[in-house]
Every structure is written in structure tokens, then in C-alpha cells.
Amino acid sequence: MIEHARRLELRNGDVVCLPADTTYEQAGELLAALGPDGLNIRCLIVLGDVHALDEAAMNAAGWYRK
């Protein structure tokens, strides 16, 4: 997965959307890179299409559409 990455300038609070076919192992690699021993960034990682999420579920998680 990392070989398919492009340059990202992530900041705390960003949402990172990964393709739906991303494995949990691949997502774990990204988590390790973003965690305390890596970039030390807190972000939300979504597997699949973020637009497919239910608005009520997003609101319950603290996300609000502008």
C-alpha cells in the first residue's frame, strides 16, 4: 500500500479515506506511520467511500456537514 501513496500534508483532525479493498494490515501500516513513533498525527481513517456514511452516524461521531 505504501508504494501507492502520494504526498500528503496531514494535520491533526484530518480524515484519511482509503479504498474499500484496503486490508486491516495495510491500514495498520498507515496507523503505525501516523502514530506516536511516526508523524504523531491524530486523524480518522475511513475504509471505503466516506460519502456512503449515514449522516446520523456521522453526527453521532462528532462530524457535521457544512
PDB file of N, CA and C in Angstrom:
ATOM      1  N   MET A   1       0.823  -1.189   0.000  1.00  0.00           N
ATOM      2  CA  MET A   1       0.000   0.000   0.000  1.00  0.00           C
ATOM      3  C   MET A   1       0.864   1.249   0.000  1.00  0.00           C
ATOM      4  N   ILE A   2       1.907   1.250   0.785  1.00  0.00           N
ATOM      5  CA  ILE A   2       2.712   2.456   0.927  1.00  0.00           C
ATOM      6  C   ILE A   2       3.310   2.883  -0.413  1.00  0.00           C
ATOM      7  N   GLU A   3       3.544   1.921  -1.301  1.00  0.00           N
ATOM      8  CA  GLU A   3       4.106   2.270  -2.602  1.00  0.00           C
ATOM      9  C   GLU A   3       3.092   3.006  -3.482  1.00  0.00           C
ATOM     10  N   HIS A   4       1.815   2.943  -3.129  1.00  0.00           N
ATOM     11  CA  HIS A   4       0.777   3.638  -3.885  1.00  0.00           C
ATOM     12  C   HIS A   4       0.437   4.996  -3.279  1.00  0.00           C
ATOM     13  N   ALA A   5       1.094   5.339  -2.207  1.00  0.00           N
ATOM     14  CA  ALA A   5       0.802   6.600  -1.519  1.00  0.00           C
ATOM     15  C   ALA A   5       1.357   7.773  -2.312  1.00  0.00           C
ATOM     16  N   ARG A   6       0.715   8.878  -2.155  1.00  0.00           N
ATOM     17  CA  ARG A   6       1.237  10.115  -2.721  1.00  0.00           C
ATOM     18  C   ARG A   6       1.480  11.070  -1.570  1.00  0.00           C
ATOM     19  N   ARG A   7       2.142  12.132  -1.839  1.00  0.00           N
ATOM     20  CA  ARG A   7       2.495  13.066  -0.776  1.00  0.00           C
ATOM     21  C   ARG A   7       1.230  13.658  -0.161  1.00  0.00           C
ATOM     22  N   LEU A   8       1.147  13.535   1.128  1.00  0.00           N
ATOM     23  CA  LEU A   8       0.028  14.095   1.873  1.00  0.00           C
ATOM     24  C   LEU A   8       0.577  15.042   2.924  1.00  0.00           C
ATOM     25  N   GLU A   9      -0.118  16.098   3.149  1.00  0.00           N
ATOM     26  CA  GLU A   9       0.256  17.017   4.220  1.00  0.00           C
ATOM     27  C   GLU A   9      -0.857  16.966   5.255  1.00  0.00           C
ATOM     28  N   LEU A  10      -0.805  15.918   6.058  1.00  0.00           N
ATOM     29  CA  LEU A  10      -1.845  15.681   7.047  1.00  0.00           C
ATOM     30  C   LEU A  10      -1.655  16.565   8.266  1.00  0.00           C
ATOM     31  N   ARG A  11      -2.790  16.943   8.845  1.00  0.00           N
ATOM     32  CA  ARG A  11      -2.797  17.702  10.089  1.00  0.00           C
ATOM     33  C   ARG A  11      -3.729  17.002  11.065  1.00  0.00           C
ATOM     34  N   ASN A  12      -3.588  17.300  12.318  1.00  0.00           N
ATOM     35  CA  ASN A  12      -4.482  16.738  13.324  1.00  0.00           C
ATOM     36  C   ASN A  12      -5.927  17.013  12.936  1.00  0.00           C
ATOM     37  N   GLY A  13      -6.761  15.991  13.055  1.00  0.00           N
ATOM     38  CA  GLY A  13      -8.178  16.134  12.765  1.00  0.00           C
ATOM     39  C   GLY A  13      -8.570  15.818  11.335  1.00  0.00           C
ATOM     40  N   ASP A  14      -7.609  15.544  10.459  1.00  0.00           N
ATOM     41  CA  ASP A  14      -7.929  15.218   9.074  1.00  0.00           C
ATOM     42  C   ASP A  14      -8.601  13.854   8.977  1.00  0.00           C
ATOM     43  N   VAL A  15      -9.346  13.653   7.893  1.00  0.00           N
ATOM     44  CA  VAL A  15      -9.961  12.368   7.582  1.00  0.00           C
ATOM     45  C   VAL A  15      -9.197  11.776   6.408  1.00  0.00           C
ATOM     46  N   VAL A  16      -8.716  10.550   6.575  1.00  0.00           N
ATOM     47  CA  VAL A  16      -7.981   9.854   5.525  1.00  0.00           C
ATOM     48  C   VAL A  16      -8.877   8.747   4.996  1.00  0.00           C
ATOM     49  N   CYS A  17      -9.215   8.815   3.712  1.00  0.00           N
ATOM     50  CA  CYS A  17     -10.077   7.810   3.087  1.00  0.00           C
ATOM     51  C   CYS A  17      -9.212   6.842   2.291  1.00  0.00           C
ATOM     52  N   LEU A  18      -9.332   5.569   2.623  1.00  0.00           N
ATOM     53  CA  LEU A  18      -8.597   4.524   1.927  1.00  0.00           C
ATOM     54  C   LEU A  18      -9.580   3.708   1.091  1.00  0.00           C
ATOM     55  N   PRO A  19      -9.116   3.101  -0.002  1.00  0.00           N
ATOM     56  CA  PRO A  19     -10.013   2.277  -0.819  1.00  0.00           C
ATOM     57  C   PRO A  19     -10.653   1.160   0.003  1.00  0.00           C
ATOM     58  N   ALA A  20     -11.846   0.757  -0.392  1.00  0.00           N
ATOM     59  CA  ALA A  20     -12.597  -0.264   0.345  1.00  0.00           C
ATOM     60  C   ALA A  20     -11.858  -1.594   0.402  1.00  0.00           C
ATOM     61  N   ASP A  21     -11.005  -1.872  -0.575  1.00  0.00           N
ATOM     62  CA  ASP A  21     -10.288  -3.151  -0.577  1.00  0.00           C
ATOM     63  C   ASP A  21      -8.989  -3.112   0.231  1.00  0.00           C
ATOM     64  N   THR A  22      -8.758  -2.030   0.955  1.00  0.00           N
ATOM     65  CA  THR A  22      -7.589  -1.940   1.828  1.00  0.00           C
ATOM     66  C   THR A  22      -7.751  -2.928   2.972  1.00  0.00           C
ATOM     67  N   THR A  23      -6.724  -3.711   3.217  1.00  0.00           N
ATOM     68  CA  THR A  23      -6.799  -4.686   4.311  1.00  0.00           C
ATOM     69  C   THR A  23      -6.528  -3.988   5.643  1.00  0.00           C
ATOM     70  N   TYR A  24      -6.933  -4.643   6.715  1.00  0.00           N
ATOM     71  CA  TYR A  24      -6.657  -4.087   8.038  1.00  0.00           C
ATOM     72  C   TYR A  24      -5.154  -4.051   8.296  1.00  0.00           C
ATOM     73  N   GLU A  25      -4.431  -4.994   7.719  1.00  0.00           N
ATOM     74  CA  GLU A  25      -2.970  -4.993   7.862  1.00  0.00           C
ATOM     75  C   GLU A  25      -2.377  -3.745   7.198  1.00  0.00           C
ATOM     76  N   GLN A  26      -2.858  -3.415   6.005  1.00  0.00           N
ATOM     77  CA  GLN A  26      -2.369  -2.223   5.312  1.00  0.00           C
ATOM     78  C   GLN A  26      -2.744  -0.956   6.078  1.00  0.00           C
ATOM     79  N   ALA A  27      -3.972  -0.910   6.582  1.00  0.00           N
ATOM     80  CA  ALA A  27      -4.390   0.247   7.376  1.00  0.00           C
ATOM     81  C   ALA A  27      -3.537   0.349   8.635  1.00  0.00           C
ATOM     82  N   GLY A  28      -3.170  -0.792   9.199  1.00  0.00           N
ATOM     83  CA  GLY A  28      -2.304  -0.803  10.373  1.00  0.00           C
ATOM     84  C   GLY A  28      -0.932  -0.222  10.083  1.00  0.00           C
ATOM     85  N   GLU A  29      -0.420  -0.477   8.876  1.00  0.00           N
ATOM     86  CA  GLU A  29       0.860   0.110   8.475  1.00  0.00           C
ATOM     87  C   GLU A  29       0.757   1.634   8.456  1.00  0.00           C
ATOM     88  N   LEU A  30      -0.353   2.127   7.942  1.00  0.00           N
ATOM     89  CA  LEU A  30      -0.560   3.575   7.912  1.00  0.00           C
ATOM     90  C   LEU A  30      -0.686   4.118   9.330  1.00  0.00           C
ATOM     91  N   LEU A  31      -1.428   3.416  10.168  1.00  0.00           N
ATOM     92  CA  LEU A  31      -1.560   3.836  11.569  1.00  0.00           C
ATOM     93  C   LEU A  31      -0.198   3.935  12.248  1.00  0.00           C
ATOM     94  N   ALA A  32       0.650   2.957  11.987  1.00  0.00           N
ATOM     95  CA  ALA A  32       1.983   2.969  12.591  1.00  0.00           C
ATOM     96  C   ALA A  32       2.780   4.185  12.122  1.00  0.00           C
ATOM     97  N   ALA A  33       2.627   4.535  10.849  1.00  0.00           N
ATOM     98  CA  ALA A  33       3.359   5.685  10.309  1.00  0.00           C
ATOM     99  C   ALA A  33       2.838   7.001  10.875  1.00  0.00           C
ATOM    100  N   LEU A  34       1.558   7.043  11.226  1.00  0.00           N
ATOM    101  CA  LEU A  34       0.961   8.276  11.737  1.00  0.00           C
ATOM    102  C   LEU A  34       1.010   8.377  13.253  1.00  0.00           C
ATOM    103  N   GLY A  35       1.296   7.279  13.918  1.00  0.00           N
ATOM    104  CA  GLY A  35       1.236   7.220  15.375  1.00  0.00           C
ATOM    105  C   GLY A  35       2.364   7.938  16.085  1.00  0.00           C
ATOM    106  N   PRO A  36       2.452   7.741  17.397  1.00  0.00           N
ATOM    107  CA  PRO A  36       3.416   8.466  18.233  1.00  0.00           C
ATOM    108  C   PRO A  36       4.874   8.277  17.820  1.00  0.00           C
ATOM    109  N   ASP A  37       5.195   7.135  17.235  1.00  0.00           N
ATOM    110  CA  ASP A  37       6.575   6.901  16.819  1.00  0.00           C
ATOM    111  C   ASP A  37       6.829   7.363  15.386  1.00  0.00           C
ATOM    112  N   GLY A  38       5.783   7.854  14.725  1.00  0.00           N
ATOM    113  CA  GLY A  38       5.911   8.344  13.352  1.00  0.00           C
ATOM    114  C   GLY A  38       5.686   9.843  13.304  1.00  0.00           C
ATOM    115  N   LEU A  39       4.654  10.248  12.581  1.00  0.00           N
ATOM    116  CA  LEU A  39       4.358  11.675  12.437  1.00  0.00           C
ATOM    117  C   LEU A  39       3.632  12.258  13.645  1.00  0.00           C
ATOM    118  N   ASN A  40       3.104  11.393  14.502  1.00  0.00           N
ATOM    119  CA  ASN A  40       2.379  11.819  15.703  1.00  0.00           C
ATOM    120  C   ASN A  40       1.183  12.703  15.352  1.00  0.00           C
ATOM    121  N   ILE A  41       0.343  12.196  14.453  1.00  0.00           N
ATOM    122  CA  ILE A  41      -0.849  12.916  13.998  1.00  0.00           C
ATOM    123  C   ILE A  41      -2.086  12.124  14.395  1.00  0.00           C
ATOM    124  N   ARG A  42      -3.086  12.824  14.903  1.00  0.00           N
ATOM    125  CA  ARG A  42      -4.370  12.195  15.214  1.00  0.00           C
ATOM    126  C   ARG A  42      -5.318  12.479  14.066  1.00  0.00           C
ATOM    127  N   CYS A  43      -5.798  11.420  13.425  1.00  0.00           N
ATOM    128  CA  CYS A  43      -6.729  11.584  12.318  1.00  0.00           C
ATOM    129  C   CYS A  43      -7.689  10.402  12.301  1.00  0.00           C
ATOM    130  N   LEU A  44      -8.704  10.526  11.487  1.00  0.00           N
ATOM    131  CA  LEU A  44      -9.694   9.473  11.331  1.00  0.00           C
ATOM    132  C   LEU A  44      -9.416   8.756  10.023  1.00  0.00           C
ATOM    133  N   ILE A  45      -9.344   7.442  10.069  1.00  0.00           N
ATOM    134  CA  ILE A  45      -9.111   6.652   8.864  1.00  0.00           C
ATOM    135  C   ILE A  45     -10.403   5.929   8.514  1.00  0.00           C
ATOM    136  N   VAL A  46     -10.864   6.124   7.278  1.00  0.00           N
ATOM    137  CA  VAL A  46     -12.096   5.510   6.794  1.00  0.00           C
ATOM    138  C   VAL A  46     -11.736   4.561   5.664  1.00  0.00           C
ATOM    139  N   LEU A  47     -12.206   3.323   5.769  1.00  0.00           N
ATOM    140  CA  LEU A  47     -12.028   2.363   4.683  1.00  0.00           C
ATOM    141  C   LEU A  47     -13.279   2.399   3.824  1.00  0.00           C
ATOM    142  N   GLY A  48     -13.132   2.754   2.568  1.00  0.00           N
ATOM    143  CA  GLY A  48     -14.269   2.833   1.660  1.00  0.00           C
ATOM    144  C   GLY A  48     -14.691   4.270   1.418  1.00  0.00           C
ATOM    145  N   ASP A  49     -15.864   4.418   0.836  1.00  0.00           N
ATOM    146  CA  ASP A  49     -16.369   5.724   0.426  1.00  0.00           C
ATOM    147  C   ASP A  49     -16.954   6.483   1.608  1.00  0.00           C
ATOM    148  N   VAL A  50     -16.314   7.565   1.980  1.00  0.00           N
ATOM    149  CA  VAL A  50     -16.784   8.360   3.116  1.00  0.00           C
ATOM    150  C   VAL A  50     -18.166   8.952   2.837  1.00  0.00           C
ATOM    151  N   HIS A  51     -18.504   9.149   1.573  1.00  0.00           N
ATOM    152  CA  HIS A  51     -19.805   9.716   1.222  1.00  0.00           C
ATOM    153  C   HIS A  51     -20.939   8.714   1.417  1.00  0.00           C
ATOM    154  N   ALA A  52     -20.598   7.442   1.579  1.00  0.00           N
ATOM    155  CA  ALA A  52     -21.614   6.413   1.788  1.00  0.00           C
ATOM    156  C   ALA A  52     -22.042   6.324   3.253  1.00  0.00           C
ATOM    157  N   LEU A  53     -21.356   7.042   4.142  1.00  0.00           N
ATOM    158  CA  LEU A  53     -21.704   7.000   5.557  1.00  0.00           C
ATOM    159  C   LEU A  53     -23.036   7.699   5.807  1.00  0.00           C
ATOM    160  N   ASP A  54     -23.785   7.170   6.722  1.00  0.00           N
ATOM    161  CA  ASP A  54     -25.067   7.727   7.112  1.00  0.00           C
ATOM    162  C   ASP A  54     -24.844   9.041   7.868  1.00  0.00           C
ATOM    163  N   GLU A  55     -25.582  10.084   7.504  1.00  0.00           N
ATOM    164  CA  GLU A  55     -25.388  11.396   8.129  1.00  0.00           C
ATOM    165  C   GLU A  55     -25.643  11.358   9.635  1.00  0.00           C
ATOM    166  N   ALA A  56     -26.636  10.595  10.069  1.00  0.00           N
ATOM    167  CA  ALA A  56     -26.915  10.488  11.507  1.00  0.00           C
ATOM    168  C   ALA A  56     -25.737   9.846  12.235  1.00  0.00           C
ATOM    169  N   ALA A  57     -25.125   8.837  11.617  1.00  0.00           N
ATOM    170  CA  ALA A  57     -23.965   8.182  12.227  1.00  0.00           C
ATOM    171  C   ALA A  57     -22.782   9.140  12.289  1.00  0.00           C
ATOM    172  N   MET A  58     -22.610   9.946  11.239  1.00  0.00           N
ATOM    173  CA  MET A  58     -21.520  10.925  11.245  1.00  0.00           C
ATOM    174  C   MET A  58     -21.749  11.961  12.349  1.00  0.00           C
ATOM    175  N   ASN A  59     -22.978  12.423  12.500  1.00  0.00           N
ATOM    176  CA  ASN A  59     -23.278  13.400  13.551  1.00  0.00           C
ATOM    177  C   ASN A  59     -23.021  12.804  14.930  1.00  0.00           C
ATOM    178  N   ALA A  60     -23.382  11.539  15.115  1.00  0.00           N
ATOM    179  CA  ALA A  60     -23.164  10.875  16.400  1.00  0.00           C
ATOM    180  C   ALA A  60     -21.673  10.758  16.714  1.00  0.00           C
ATOM    181  N   ALA A  61     -20.849  10.678  15.663  1.00  0.00           N
ATOM    182  CA  ALA A  61     -19.400  10.577  15.847  1.00  0.00           C
ATOM    183  C   ALA A  61     -18.737  11.948  15.966  1.00  0.00           C
ATOM    184  N   GLY A  62     -19.541  13.009  15.882  1.00  0.00           N
ATOM    185  CA  GLY A  62     -18.988  14.353  16.021  1.00  0.00           C
ATOM    186  C   GLY A  62     -18.657  15.028  14.705  1.00  0.00           C
ATOM    187  N   TRP A  63     -19.068  14.437  13.592  1.00  0.00           N
ATOM    188  CA  TRP A  63     -18.847  15.050  12.281  1.00  0.00           C
ATOM    189  C   TRP A  63     -20.089  15.839  11.921  1.00  0.00           C
ATOM    190  N   TYR A  64     -19.905  16.992  11.366  1.00  0.00           N
ATOM    191  CA  TYR A  64     -21.042  17.806  10.943  1.00  0.00           C
ATOM    192  C   TYR A  64     -20.768  18.347   9.558  1.00  0.00           C
ATOM    193  N   ARG A  65     -21.759  18.224   8.682  1.00  0.00           N
ATOM    194  CA  ARG A  65     -21.611  18.770   7.331  1.00  0.00           C
ATOM    195  C   ARG A  65     -21.770  20.270   7.374  1.00  0.00           C
ATOM    196  N   LYS A  66     -20.994  20.926   6.543  1.00  0.00           N
ATOM    197  CA  LYS A  66     -21.071  22.390   6.485  1.00  0.00           C
ATOM    198  C   LYS A  66     -21.958  22.806   5.349  1.00  0.00           C
TER     199      LYS A  66
END
